Amino acid sequence: MKTTPGTVHSTTSATVRVLIVEDEPKIAAAHRSYLERLDGFDVVAVAHTGREALTIAKRSQSSGVPVDLVLMDIGLPDMSGLAVAAALAVLRPRPDVIAVTSARDLALVRAAVAHGVVLYLLKPFTFAAFREKLERYVEYRAALPAGETAISQHDIDRAFGVLRTPDQRPTSPKGIAPQTMDEVSRAVRGAPDGLSAGETGRAVGVSRVTAWRYLERMAEDGVVERRTDYGRTGRPQVRYVWLR
């Protein structure tokens, strides 16, 4: 379903109503396109700042169609995504939060858990990894009995077990190694003007073709942007620039 930033619409109770909070429009669009490929999810709005997210969530609650899930970028321009998560905690019903960030800081991960973040999704990620997290979240929701004010210890353990149990299914496409993806991501993030496939390959220690394959995957996932550099000779060269 098509949405515009800041617009809230109603949907059926069977679907998970999602608010995307991401300040980079291209990454927000990538997240929305991913959700549109999954059954049972409906993007009700896109917010590019923390304050906009809070406004949308409160308005959605008041309209009787509250947000179920927030895909929360931690590094927002006006306030921390964790501060937004803390502010959302006062809403009833309280929306769940999945943190979407490139930060690998252990202290930040602990803070996210303390602020009620149910899952943590590291950028860059493939559609398979995104789908796995969202499917796990659906299982978590299904494990909690609906319409009950009191649940058993077994119900609680079962629900949280869904989130904590390591998944055995592969989350990376064939030929994409998570470690190499991390190394390529690190190289591009450290180059403000971006890197070509050849430069990336030399920085990581892989062939140009291998580097190109990983860079193209990141471009498809909305993590990097392709930019054509004609250089001094006029021969075009594609550079990949980190979007964060």
C-alpha atoms as a PDB file:
ATOM      1  CA  MET A   1       0.000   0.000   0.000  1.00  0.00           C
ATOM      2  CA  LYS A   2       1.384   3.426  -0.948  1.00  0.00           C
ATOM      3  CA  THR A   3       2.020   5.894   1.854  1.00  0.00           C
ATOM      4  CA  THR A   4       3.413   9.365   2.197  1.00  0.00           C
ATOM      5  CA  PRO A   5       5.548  10.658   5.066  1.00  0.00           C
ATOM      6  CA  GLY A   6       3.419  11.705   8.013  1.00  0.00           C
ATOM      7  CA  THR A   7       0.253  10.079   6.673  1.00  0.00           C
ATOM      8  CA  VAL A   8      -1.605   7.572   8.842  1.00  0.00           C
ATOM      9  CA  HIS A   9      -4.304   5.312   7.454  1.00  0.00           C
ATOM     10  CA  SER A  10      -6.357   2.545   8.959  1.00  0.00           C
ATOM     11  CA  THR A  11      -5.796  -1.135   8.250  1.00  0.00           C
ATOM     12  CA  THR A  12      -7.161  -4.478   9.311  1.00  0.00           C
ATOM     13  CA  SER A  13      -6.499  -5.831  12.783  1.00  0.00           C
ATOM     14  CA  ALA A  14      -4.793  -8.904  11.299  1.00  0.00           C
ATOM     15  CA  THR A  15      -1.903  -6.886   9.876  1.00  0.00           C
ATOM     16  CA  VAL A  16       1.034  -5.450  11.804  1.00  0.00           C
ATOM     17  CA  ARG A  17       0.918  -1.665  11.522  1.00  0.00           C
ATOM     18  CA  VAL A  18       4.458  -0.356  11.053  1.00  0.00           C
ATOM     19  CA  LEU A  19       5.965   3.096  11.481  1.00  0.00           C
ATOM     20  CA  ILE A  20       9.331   3.550   9.752  1.00  0.00           C
ATOM     21  CA  VAL A  21      11.615   6.077  11.447  1.00  0.00           C
ATOM     22  CA  GLU A  22      14.633   6.822   9.246  1.00  0.00           C
ATOM     23  CA  ASP A  23      16.135  10.195   8.348  1.00  0.00           C
ATOM     24  CA  GLU A  24      17.686   9.048   5.052  1.00  0.00           C
ATOM     25  CA  PRO A  25      14.880   8.973   2.434  1.00  0.00           C
ATOM     26  CA  LYS A  26      16.513   6.316   0.249  1.00  0.00           C
ATOM     27  CA  ILE A  27      17.014   3.932   3.164  1.00  0.00           C
ATOM     28  CA  ALA A  28      13.470   4.588   4.377  1.00  0.00           C
ATOM     29  CA  ALA A  29      12.207   3.758   0.885  1.00  0.00           C
ATOM     30  CA  ALA A  30      14.245   0.538   0.908  1.00  0.00           C
ATOM     31  CA  HIS A  31      12.735  -0.468   4.260  1.00  0.00           C
ATOM     32  CA  ARG A  32       9.240   0.231   2.952  1.00  0.00           C
ATOM     33  CA  SER A  33       9.845  -1.792  -0.210  1.00  0.00           C
ATOM     34  CA  TYR A  34      11.053  -4.698   1.932  1.00  0.00           C
ATOM     35  CA  LEU A  35       7.925  -4.573   4.091  1.00  0.00           C
ATOM     36  CA  GLU A  36       5.712  -4.443   1.025  1.00  0.00           C
ATOM     37  CA  ARG A  37       7.226  -7.767  -0.052  1.00  0.00           C
ATOM     38  CA  LEU A  38       6.109  -9.424   3.200  1.00  0.00           C
ATOM     39  CA  ASP A  39       2.607 -10.602   4.006  1.00  0.00           C
ATOM     40  CA  GLY A  40       0.910  -9.293   7.129  1.00  0.00           C
ATOM     41  CA  PHE A  41       2.632  -5.898   7.376  1.00  0.00           C
ATOM     42  CA  ASP A  42       1.306  -2.444   6.530  1.00  0.00           C
ATOM     43  CA  VAL A  43       3.415   0.724   6.542  1.00  0.00           C
ATOM     44  CA  VAL A  44       1.157   3.337   8.084  1.00  0.00           C
ATOM     45  CA  ALA A  45       3.697   6.174   8.011  1.00  0.00           C
ATOM     46  CA  VAL A  46       7.309   7.213   7.484  1.00  0.00           C
ATOM     47  CA  ALA A  47       8.972   9.701   9.847  1.00  0.00           C
ATOM     48  CA  HIS A  48      12.346  11.323   9.275  1.00  0.00           C
ATOM     49  CA  THR A  49      12.853  12.786  12.770  1.00  0.00           C
ATOM     50  CA  GLY A  50      12.197  11.636  16.305  1.00  0.00           C
ATOM     51  CA  ARG A  51       9.676  14.366  17.000  1.00  0.00           C
ATOM     52  CA  GLU A  52       7.752  13.547  13.840  1.00  0.00           C
ATOM     53  CA  ALA A  53       7.689   9.890  14.886  1.00  0.00           C
ATOM     54  CA  LEU A  54       6.214  10.735  18.286  1.00  0.00           C
ATOM     55  CA  THR A  55       3.585  12.974  16.711  1.00  0.00           C
ATOM     56  CA  ILE A  56       2.541  10.266  14.257  1.00  0.00           C
ATOM     57  CA  ALA A  57       2.452   7.548  16.931  1.00  0.00           C
ATOM     58  CA  LYS A  58       0.290   9.655  19.261  1.00  0.00           C
ATOM     59  CA  ARG A  59      -2.067  10.690  16.461  1.00  0.00           C
ATOM     60  CA  SER A  60      -2.353   7.084  15.334  1.00  0.00           C
ATOM     61  CA  GLN A  61      -3.236   5.997  18.867  1.00  0.00           C
ATOM     62  CA  SER A  62      -5.861   8.722  19.203  1.00  0.00           C
ATOM     63  CA  SER A  63      -7.451   7.715  15.905  1.00  0.00           C
ATOM     64  CA  GLY A  64      -8.022   4.177  17.158  1.00  0.00           C
ATOM     65  CA  VAL A  65      -5.472   2.518  14.839  1.00  0.00           C
ATOM     66  CA  PRO A  66      -2.310   2.477  16.968  1.00  0.00           C
ATOM     67  CA  VAL A  67       1.093   1.607  15.604  1.00  0.00           C
ATOM     68  CA  ASP A  68       2.112  -1.978  16.400  1.00  0.00           C
ATOM     69  CA  LEU A  69       5.771  -1.867  15.417  1.00  0.00           C
ATOM     70  CA  VAL A  70       8.375   0.855  14.929  1.00  0.00           C
ATOM     71  CA  LEU A  71      11.452   0.295  12.750  1.00  0.00           C
ATOM     72  CA  MET A  72      13.677   2.773  14.571  1.00  0.00           C
ATOM     73  CA  ASP A  73      16.859   4.298  13.228  1.00  0.00           C
ATOM     74  CA  ILE A  74      19.024   5.080  16.252  1.00  0.00           C
ATOM     75  CA  GLY A  75      20.949   7.985  14.719  1.00  0.00           C
ATOM     76  CA  LEU A  76      18.236  10.568  14.085  1.00  0.00           C
ATOM     77  CA  PRO A  77      19.082  14.251  13.459  1.00  0.00           C
ATOM     78  CA  ASP A  78      17.063  15.744  16.322  1.00  0.00           C
ATOM     79  CA  MET A  79      17.166  13.112  19.074  1.00  0.00           C
ATOM     80  CA  SER A  80      18.359   9.607  19.782  1.00  0.00           C
ATOM     81  CA  GLY A  81      16.189   6.789  18.544  1.00  0.00           C
ATOM     82  CA  LEU A  82      16.469   5.301  22.032  1.00  0.00           C
ATOM     83  CA  ALA A  83      14.959   8.494  23.477  1.00  0.00           C
ATOM     84  CA  VAL A  84      12.084   8.093  21.024  1.00  0.00           C
ATOM     85  CA  ALA A  85      11.646   4.480  22.135  1.00  0.00           C
ATOM     86  CA  ALA A  86      11.510   5.609  25.772  1.00  0.00           C
ATOM     87  CA  ALA A  87       8.877   8.233  24.931  1.00  0.00           C
ATOM     88  CA  LEU A  88       6.793   5.664  23.046  1.00  0.00           C
ATOM     89  CA  ALA A  89       6.728   3.465  26.145  1.00  0.00           C
ATOM     90  CA  VAL A  90       4.019   5.640  27.734  1.00  0.00           C
ATOM     91  CA  LEU A  91       1.539   4.873  24.936  1.00  0.00           C
ATOM     92  CA  ARG A  92      -1.144   2.259  25.500  1.00  0.00           C
ATOM     93  CA  PRO A  93      -0.953  -0.027  23.696  1.00  0.00           C
ATOM     94  CA  ARG A  94       2.800   0.374  23.616  1.00  0.00           C
ATOM     95  CA  PRO A  95       4.344  -0.192  20.179  1.00  0.00           C
ATOM     96  CA  ASP A  96       7.206  -2.646  19.860  1.00  0.00           C
ATOM     97  CA  VAL A  97      10.528  -1.328  18.571  1.00  0.00           C
ATOM     98  CA  ILE A  98      13.111  -2.926  16.309  1.00  0.00           C
ATOM     99  CA  ALA A  99      16.342  -0.933  16.267  1.00  0.00           C
ATOM    100  CA  VAL A 100      17.847  -0.499  12.797  1.00  0.00           C
ATOM    101  CA  THR A 101      21.401   0.825  12.982  1.00  0.00           C
ATOM    102  CA  SER A 102      24.990   0.388  11.859  1.00  0.00           C
ATOM    103  CA  ALA A 103      26.238   0.909  15.441  1.00  0.00           C
ATOM    104  CA  ARG A 104      27.940  -2.143  16.925  1.00  0.00           C
ATOM    105  CA  ASP A 105      28.739  -0.545  20.283  1.00  0.00           C
ATOM    106  CA  LEU A 106      27.983  -2.964  23.137  1.00  0.00           C
ATOM    107  CA  ALA A 107      26.874  -0.144  25.443  1.00  0.00           C
ATOM    108  CA  LEU A 108      24.355   0.984  22.822  1.00  0.00           C
ATOM    109  CA  VAL A 109      23.017  -2.545  22.456  1.00  0.00           C
ATOM    110  CA  ARG A 110      22.535  -2.769  26.227  1.00  0.00           C
ATOM    111  CA  ALA A 111      20.820   0.620  26.257  1.00  0.00           C
ATOM    112  CA  ALA A 112      18.510  -0.522  23.460  1.00  0.00           C
ATOM    113  CA  VAL A 113      17.461  -3.547  25.504  1.00  0.00           C
ATOM    114  CA  ALA A 114      16.894  -1.326  28.547  1.00  0.00           C
ATOM    115  CA  HIS A 115      14.589   0.888  26.461  1.00  0.00           C
ATOM    116  CA  GLY A 116      12.406  -2.021  25.401  1.00  0.00           C
ATOM    117  CA  VAL A 117      13.847  -2.725  21.957  1.00  0.00           C
ATOM    118  CA  VAL A 118      12.735  -6.263  21.070  1.00  0.00           C
ATOM    119  CA  LEU A 119      15.144  -6.887  18.178  1.00  0.00           C
ATOM    120  CA  TYR A 120      18.325  -5.293  16.847  1.00  0.00           C
ATOM    121  CA  LEU A 121      18.967  -5.227  13.089  1.00  0.00           C
ATOM    122  CA  LEU A 122      22.452  -4.208  11.944  1.00  0.00           C
ATOM    123  CA  LYS A 123      23.033  -2.276   8.740  1.00  0.00           C
ATOM    124  CA  PRO A 124      23.846  -3.248   6.095  1.00  0.00           C
ATOM    125  CA  PHE A 125      21.522  -6.206   5.781  1.00  0.00           C
ATOM    126  CA  THR A 126      20.011  -8.268   3.018  1.00  0.00           C
ATOM    127  CA  PHE A 127      16.320  -8.770   2.412  1.00  0.00           C
ATOM    128  CA  ALA A 128      16.719 -12.316   3.749  1.00  0.00           C
ATOM    129  CA  ALA A 129      18.051 -11.011   7.074  1.00  0.00           C
ATOM    130  CA  PHE A 130      15.286  -8.404   7.243  1.00  0.00           C
ATOM    131  CA  ARG A 131      12.624 -11.010   6.514  1.00  0.00           C
ATOM    132  CA  GLU A 132      14.027 -13.357   9.182  1.00  0.00           C
ATOM    133  CA  LYS A 133      13.801 -10.644  11.860  1.00  0.00           C
ATOM    134  CA  LEU A 134      10.266  -9.692  10.913  1.00  0.00           C
ATOM    135  CA  GLU A 135       9.157 -13.321  10.802  1.00  0.00           C
ATOM    136  CA  ARG A 136      10.641 -13.854  14.255  1.00  0.00           C
ATOM    137  CA  TYR A 137       8.761 -10.800  15.479  1.00  0.00           C
ATOM    138  CA  VAL A 138       5.479 -12.207  14.131  1.00  0.00           C
ATOM    139  CA  GLU A 139       6.164 -15.462  15.993  1.00  0.00           C
ATOM    140  CA  TYR A 140       6.814 -13.445  19.154  1.00  0.00           C
ATOM    141  CA  ARG A 141       3.463 -11.667  18.812  1.00  0.00           C
ATOM    142  CA  ALA A 142       1.673 -14.935  18.147  1.00  0.00           C
ATOM    143  CA  ALA A 143       3.223 -16.527  21.242  1.00  0.00           C
ATOM    144  CA  LEU A 144       1.547 -13.988  23.517  1.00  0.00           C
ATOM    145  CA  PRO A 145      -2.154 -14.788  24.137  1.00  0.00           C
ATOM    146  CA  ALA A 146      -4.452 -12.122  22.721  1.00  0.00           C
ATOM    147  CA  GLY A 147      -7.001 -10.301  24.853  1.00  0.00           C
ATOM    148  CA  GLU A 148      -5.720 -11.509  28.201  1.00  0.00           C
ATOM    149  CA  THR A 149      -4.616  -9.306  31.081  1.00  0.00           C
ATOM    150  CA  ALA A 150      -2.826 -12.121  32.897  1.00  0.00           C
ATOM    151  CA  ILE A 151      -0.561 -14.689  31.274  1.00  0.00           C
ATOM    152  CA  SER A 152       1.445 -17.570  32.635  1.00  0.00           C
ATOM    153  CA  GLN A 153       5.205 -17.836  33.075  1.00  0.00           C
ATOM    154  CA  HIS A 154       5.128 -20.415  30.296  1.00  0.00           C
ATOM    155  CA  ASP A 155       3.525 -17.894  27.903  1.00  0.00           C
ATOM    156  CA  ILE A 156       6.183 -15.301  28.743  1.00  0.00           C
ATOM    157  CA  ASP A 157       9.076 -17.736  28.399  1.00  0.00           C
ATOM    158  CA  ARG A 158       7.726 -19.032  25.092  1.00  0.00           C
ATOM    159  CA  ALA A 159       7.362 -15.533  23.633  1.00  0.00           C
ATOM    160  CA  PHE A 160      10.819 -14.355  24.647  1.00  0.00           C
ATOM    161  CA  GLY A 161      12.287 -17.692  23.595  1.00  0.00           C
ATOM    162  CA  VAL A 162      11.210 -16.929  20.036  1.00  0.00           C
ATOM    163  CA  LEU A 163      13.299 -13.751  20.095  1.00  0.00           C
ATOM    164  CA  ARG A 164      16.340 -15.318  21.731  1.00  0.00           C
ATOM    165  CA  THR A 165      16.550 -18.664  19.955  1.00  0.00           C
ATOM    166  CA  PRO A 166      19.272 -18.586  17.277  1.00  0.00           C
ATOM    167  CA  ASP A 167      17.787 -19.180  13.864  1.00  0.00           C
ATOM    168  CA  GLN A 168      19.378 -21.951  11.827  1.00  0.00           C
ATOM    169  CA  ARG A 169      18.149 -20.730   8.474  1.00  0.00           C
ATOM    170  CA  PRO A 170      20.683 -18.885   6.306  1.00  0.00           C
ATOM    171  CA  THR A 171      20.074 -15.118   6.258  1.00  0.00           C
ATOM    172  CA  SER A 172      22.635 -14.273   3.573  1.00  0.00           C
ATOM    173  CA  PRO A 173      22.204 -14.975  -0.115  1.00  0.00           C
ATOM    174  CA  LYS A 174      24.428 -17.594  -1.716  1.00  0.00           C
ATOM    175  CA  GLY A 175      27.948 -16.257  -2.157  1.00  0.00           C
ATOM    176  CA  ILE A 176      27.556 -13.438   0.385  1.00  0.00           C
ATOM    177  CA  ALA A 177      29.654 -13.968   3.525  1.00  0.00           C
ATOM    178  CA  PRO A 178      28.676 -11.832   6.561  1.00  0.00           C
ATOM    179  CA  GLN A 179      32.326 -11.246   7.536  1.00  0.00           C
ATOM    180  CA  THR A 180      33.272 -10.018   4.076  1.00  0.00           C
ATOM    181  CA  MET A 181      30.139  -7.848   4.010  1.00  0.00           C
ATOM    182  CA  ASP A 182      31.228  -6.248   7.295  1.00  0.00           C
ATOM    183  CA  GLU A 183      34.725  -5.587   5.921  1.00  0.00           C
ATOM    184  CA  VAL A 184      33.390  -4.045   2.713  1.00  0.00           C
ATOM    185  CA  SER A 185      30.943  -1.916   4.710  1.00  0.00           C
ATOM    186  CA  ARG A 186      33.722  -0.716   6.993  1.00  0.00           C
ATOM    187  CA  ALA A 187      35.894   0.249   4.035  1.00  0.00           C
ATOM    188  CA  VAL A 188      33.143   2.268   2.329  1.00  0.00           C
ATOM    189  CA  ARG A 189      32.054   3.947   5.579  1.00  0.00           C
ATOM    190  CA  GLY A 190      35.632   5.148   6.084  1.00  0.00           C
ATOM    191  CA  ALA A 191      35.796   6.823   2.661  1.00  0.00           C
ATOM    192  CA  PRO A 192      33.790  10.089   2.582  1.00  0.00           C
ATOM    193  CA  ASP A 193      34.049  10.294  -1.229  1.00  0.00           C
ATOM    194  CA  GLY A 194      33.173   6.647  -1.702  1.00  0.00           C
ATOM    195  CA  LEU A 195      35.167   3.814  -3.241  1.00  0.00           C
ATOM    196  CA  SER A 196      35.223   2.074  -6.586  1.00  0.00           C
ATOM    197  CA  ALA A 197      35.017  -1.710  -6.755  1.00  0.00           C
ATOM    198  CA  GLY A 198      38.760  -1.876  -7.432  1.00  0.00           C
ATOM    199  CA  GLU A 199      39.626   0.345  -4.477  1.00  0.00           C
ATOM    200  CA  THR A 200      37.311  -1.634  -2.238  1.00  0.00           C
ATOM    201  CA  GLY A 201      38.858  -4.906  -3.346  1.00  0.00           C
ATOM    202  CA  ARG A 202      42.363  -3.643  -2.544  1.00  0.00           C
ATOM    203  CA  ALA A 203      41.252  -2.330   0.850  1.00  0.00           C
ATOM    204  CA  VAL A 204      39.563  -5.584   1.834  1.00  0.00           C
ATOM    205  CA  GLY A 205      41.915  -8.017   0.116  1.00  0.00           C
ATOM    206  CA  VAL A 206      39.472  -9.501  -2.387  1.00  0.00           C
ATOM    207  CA  SER A 207      39.168  -9.333  -6.163  1.00  0.00           C
ATOM    208  CA  ARG A 208      37.503  -6.405  -7.910  1.00  0.00           C
ATOM    209  CA  VAL A 209      34.680  -8.670  -9.089  1.00  0.00           C
ATOM    210  CA  THR A 210      34.035  -9.934  -5.560  1.00  0.00           C
ATOM    211  CA  ALA A 211      34.051  -6.396  -4.181  1.00  0.00           C
ATOM    212  CA  TRP A 212      31.670  -5.297  -6.955  1.00  0.00           C
ATOM    213  CA  ARG A 213      29.230  -8.081  -6.045  1.00  0.00           C
ATOM    214  CA  TYR A 214      29.094  -6.982  -2.418  1.00  0.00           C
ATOM    215  CA  LEU A 215      28.838  -3.301  -3.335  1.00  0.00           C
ATOM    216  CA  GLU A 216      25.967  -4.012  -5.714  1.00  0.00           C
ATOM    217  CA  ARG A 217      24.170  -5.954  -2.986  1.00  0.00           C
ATOM    218  CA  MET A 218      24.569  -2.973  -0.639  1.00  0.00           C
ATOM    219  CA  ALA A 219      23.295  -0.634  -3.346  1.00  0.00           C
ATOM    220  CA  GLU A 220      20.210  -2.817  -3.844  1.00  0.00           C
ATOM    221  CA  ASP A 221      19.623  -2.748  -0.084  1.00  0.00           C
ATOM    222  CA  GLY A 222      19.772   1.065  -0.057  1.00  0.00           C
ATOM    223  CA  VAL A 223      22.903   1.230   2.090  1.00  0.00           C
ATOM    224  CA  VAL A 224      25.229   2.798  -0.481  1.00  0.00           C
ATOM    225  CA  GLU A 225      24.603   5.020  -3.468  1.00  0.00           C
ATOM    226  CA  ARG A 226      26.111   4.559  -6.919  1.00  0.00           C
ATOM    227  CA  ARG A 227      27.781   7.708  -8.266  1.00  0.00           C
ATOM    228  CA  THR A 228      29.402   7.996 -11.679  1.00  0.00           C
ATOM    229  CA  ASP A 229      32.837   9.646 -11.674  1.00  0.00           C
ATOM    230  CA  TYR A 230      34.147  10.550 -15.143  1.00  0.00           C
ATOM    231  CA  GLY A 231      37.595  11.493 -13.882  1.00  0.00           C
ATOM    232  CA  ARG A 232      40.313  13.193 -15.878  1.00  0.00           C
ATOM    233  CA  THR A 233      40.244  10.765 -18.804  1.00  0.00           C
ATOM    234  CA  GLY A 234      36.503  10.946 -19.228  1.00  0.00           C
ATOM    235  CA  ARG A 235      36.116   7.222 -18.685  1.00  0.00           C
ATOM    236  CA  PRO A 236      33.184   6.687 -16.318  1.00  0.00           C
ATOM    237  CA  GLN A 237      33.836   4.900 -13.045  1.00  0.00           C
ATOM    238  CA  VAL A 238      31.179   3.962 -10.534  1.00  0.00           C
ATOM    239  CA  ARG A 239      31.903   4.914  -6.952  1.00  0.00           C
ATOM    240  CA  TYR A 240      29.878   3.637  -4.032  1.00  0.00           C
ATOM    241  CA  VAL A 241      29.152   6.180  -1.309  1.00  0.00           C
ATOM    242  CA  TRP A 242      27.855   5.300   2.164  1.00  0.00           C
ATOM    243  CA  LEU A 243      24.481   6.914   2.761  1.00  0.00           C
ATOM    244  CA  ARG A 244      24.905   7.482   6.517  1.00  0.00           C
END
